Protein backbone atom coordinates (compact mmCIF):
# COMPACT_ATOMS: atom_id res chain seq x y z
CA MET A 1 4.65 -9.42 18.48
CA SER A 2 7.73 -11.16 17.24
CA GLU A 3 10.56 -8.89 16.20
CA GLN A 4 10.87 -9.17 12.46
CA GLN A 5 13.32 -7.88 9.93
CA GLN A 6 12.38 -4.81 7.92
CA VAL A 7 12.44 -5.12 4.13
CA HIS A 8 15.15 -3.32 2.17
CA LEU A 9 15.68 -2.41 -1.47
CA GLY A 10 17.05 -5.28 -3.52
CA GLN A 11 15.69 -7.94 -1.15
CA ARG A 12 12.84 -10.36 -1.63
CA VAL A 13 9.81 -9.27 0.37
CA PRO A 14 8.67 -11.99 2.80
CA ASP A 15 5.26 -13.37 1.95
CA PHE A 16 2.38 -12.06 4.01
CA THR A 17 -1.37 -12.62 4.08
CA LEU A 18 -4.03 -10.08 5.07
CA PRO A 19 -7.83 -9.95 4.85
CA THR A 20 -9.35 -7.82 2.11
CA THR A 21 -12.63 -6.15 1.26
CA SER A 22 -13.52 -9.01 -1.09
CA GLY A 23 -13.98 -11.22 1.96
CA GLU A 24 -10.93 -13.34 1.28
CA ASN A 25 -7.33 -13.28 2.36
CA ILE A 26 -4.71 -12.07 -0.09
CA SER A 27 -1.07 -13.15 -0.02
CA LEU A 28 1.75 -11.29 -1.70
CA SER A 29 2.89 -14.57 -3.31
CA GLN A 30 -0.36 -14.68 -5.34
CA PHE A 31 1.08 -11.92 -7.54
CA ARG A 32 4.37 -13.57 -8.55
CA GLY A 33 4.93 -12.82 -12.22
CA LYS A 34 3.42 -9.32 -11.91
CA LYS A 35 4.72 -6.07 -10.57
CA VAL A 36 3.03 -5.10 -7.31
CA VAL A 37 2.47 -1.56 -6.07
CA ILE A 38 1.73 -1.54 -2.36
CA TYR A 39 0.70 1.78 -0.94
CA PHE A 40 0.32 2.31 2.79
CA TYR A 41 -1.99 5.11 3.87
CA PRO A 42 -2.95 6.43 7.32
CA LYS A 43 -6.76 6.33 7.39
CA ASP A 44 -9.81 5.61 5.25
CA SER A 45 -11.98 8.57 4.21
CA THR A 46 -9.57 11.35 5.18
CA PRO A 47 -8.93 14.01 2.50
CA ALA A 48 -5.35 13.08 1.49
CA CYS A 49 -6.01 9.34 1.68
CA THR A 50 -9.15 9.74 -0.43
CA GLN A 51 -7.22 11.74 -3.04
CA GLN A 52 -4.46 9.15 -3.11
CA ALA A 53 -6.89 6.24 -3.51
CA CYS A 54 -8.77 8.06 -6.28
CA ASP A 55 -5.50 8.89 -8.08
CA PHE A 56 -4.58 5.19 -8.06
CA ARG A 57 -8.15 4.30 -9.13
CA ASP A 58 -8.01 6.74 -12.05
CA SER A 59 -4.75 5.15 -13.27
CA THR A 60 -5.85 1.52 -12.93
CA ASP A 61 -5.78 0.92 -16.70
CA TYR A 62 -2.23 2.30 -16.96
CA PHE A 63 -1.01 0.03 -14.17
CA ALA A 64 -2.72 -2.98 -15.78
CA ALA A 65 -1.16 -2.16 -19.16
CA LYS A 66 2.27 -2.28 -17.48
CA GLY A 67 1.52 -5.65 -15.86
CA ALA A 68 1.19 -4.17 -12.37
CA VAL A 69 -1.39 -4.59 -9.63
CA VAL A 70 -2.17 -2.03 -6.93
CA ILE A 71 -2.86 -2.89 -3.30
CA GLY A 72 -3.77 -0.41 -0.57
CA ILE A 73 -2.99 -1.17 3.08
CA SER A 74 -3.94 0.63 6.27
CA ALA A 75 -4.62 -0.34 9.88
CA ASP A 76 -8.36 0.32 9.46
CA ASP A 77 -10.72 -2.63 9.76
CA LEU A 78 -12.57 -4.33 6.89
CA LYS A 79 -15.85 -2.52 7.60
CA SER A 80 -14.12 0.85 7.22
CA HIS A 81 -12.30 -0.35 4.09
CA GLN A 82 -15.53 -1.60 2.51
CA LYS A 83 -17.31 1.72 3.07
CA PHE A 84 -14.31 3.62 1.66
CA ALA A 85 -13.95 1.32 -1.37
CA ASP A 86 -17.68 1.42 -2.16
CA LYS A 87 -17.95 5.20 -1.84
CA HIS A 88 -15.06 5.82 -4.25
CA ALA A 89 -15.47 2.76 -6.55
CA LEU A 90 -11.95 1.53 -5.83
CA PRO A 91 -11.13 -1.35 -8.21
CA PHE A 92 -8.15 -2.67 -6.24
CA PRO A 93 -8.07 -4.49 -2.90
CA LEU A 94 -7.71 -2.70 0.41
CA LEU A 95 -6.03 -4.90 3.00
CA ALA A 96 -6.65 -4.58 6.73
CA ASP A 97 -3.39 -4.61 8.70
CA THR A 98 -5.11 -4.26 12.08
CA ASP A 99 -2.22 -5.89 13.99
CA LYS A 100 0.31 -3.66 12.11
CA GLU A 101 2.64 -6.60 11.36
CA VAL A 102 2.95 -5.79 7.64
CA SER A 103 3.23 -2.05 8.34
CA ARG A 104 6.12 -2.80 10.70
CA LEU A 105 7.71 -5.14 8.13
CA PHE A 106 7.85 -2.21 5.70
CA GLY A 107 8.90 0.24 8.43
CA VAL A 108 5.90 2.53 7.95
CA TRP A 109 4.34 2.15 11.45
CA GLN A 110 6.08 4.99 13.25
CA LEU A 111 5.74 7.63 15.91
CA LYS A 112 4.10 10.69 14.36
CA LYS A 113 3.48 14.21 15.60
CA MET A 114 0.50 16.39 14.76
CA TYR A 115 -0.68 19.54 16.52
CA GLY A 116 1.83 18.94 19.31
CA ARG A 117 0.51 15.46 19.98
CA GLU A 118 2.51 12.26 19.53
CA PHE A 119 0.91 9.02 18.36
CA GLU A 120 1.76 5.89 16.38
CA GLY A 121 0.45 5.54 12.87
CA ILE A 122 1.23 4.76 9.26
CA VAL A 123 3.57 7.11 7.43
CA ARG A 124 2.24 7.37 3.85
CA SER A 125 4.59 5.25 1.73
CA THR A 126 4.59 3.27 -1.52
CA PHE A 127 6.63 0.25 -2.56
CA LEU A 128 7.23 -1.33 -5.97
CA ILE A 129 7.90 -5.05 -6.00
CA ASP A 130 9.05 -6.79 -9.17
CA GLU A 131 7.77 -10.01 -10.74
CA ARG A 132 10.11 -12.11 -8.59
CA GLY A 133 8.99 -10.53 -5.31
CA VAL A 134 12.01 -8.22 -4.92
CA LEU A 135 11.58 -4.68 -3.59
CA ILE A 136 12.91 -2.44 -6.38
CA LYS A 137 11.67 1.04 -5.44
CA GLU A 138 10.29 2.82 -2.40
CA TRP A 139 8.75 6.20 -1.72
CA ARG A 140 8.60 7.22 1.93
CA LYS A 141 6.77 10.17 3.47
CA VAL A 142 4.80 10.55 0.25
CA LYS A 143 3.12 13.80 -0.76
CA VAL A 144 -0.06 12.86 -2.63
CA GLY A 145 0.04 15.37 -5.50
CA GLY A 146 1.75 13.82 -8.55
CA HIS A 147 2.78 10.69 -6.67
CA VAL A 148 0.89 8.18 -8.83
CA ASN A 149 2.65 9.59 -11.92
CA GLU A 150 6.03 8.98 -10.21
CA VAL A 151 5.03 5.37 -9.57
CA LEU A 152 3.90 4.88 -13.16
CA GLN A 153 7.19 6.35 -14.41
CA ALA A 154 9.17 3.94 -12.22
CA ILE A 155 7.15 0.98 -13.53
CA SER A 156 7.80 2.09 -17.11
CA GLU A 157 11.54 2.20 -16.39
CA SER A 158 11.73 -1.14 -14.58
C-alpha cells in the first residue's frame, strides 16, 4: 500500500471511491454541496455496531432536514454489509473498505487490544465533512450511547 497522508481538521478530504451495498461505487465527491457524516465501525452485526447503525437510521430524517447524508464504512465485505443493511432496514449506504485504504486515510485502522489479545481493526469514529469537502469535526473512540445526538448538534451549529 502506498503511504498516504492522514486527513486533519480544516483540510479538504481527498476524494475516494468504495463499493456499496447498492451494487455501485460511491465517491466522496458525489456529495459536494451537502454535509457528509462518515462513521467508521468495527464489524457488521455486533451489538454496539448494530445499535450505532440503528441510531443513525432512526435519525435519517433529521440529517436530511439539515442537508446531510450519512455513510457507514467498515472493512467487512459487501455480502456482510447487505445482510446487515437488510436486517436492520438501513436507509444509507454501507461502504466496503476491504483494503483499509480509507480507514487508514482517516487514521481509524489501528492496533487494538481486547481480552489480552492484540489485533488490527477499526476504532469507532465519526467525521463531519462540510459542503466543500472540508473536515470540520471528528469524534474518535466513540461511545455509541448519545453519539448520534452529538453529531446532529454539530451539524446544527455548522
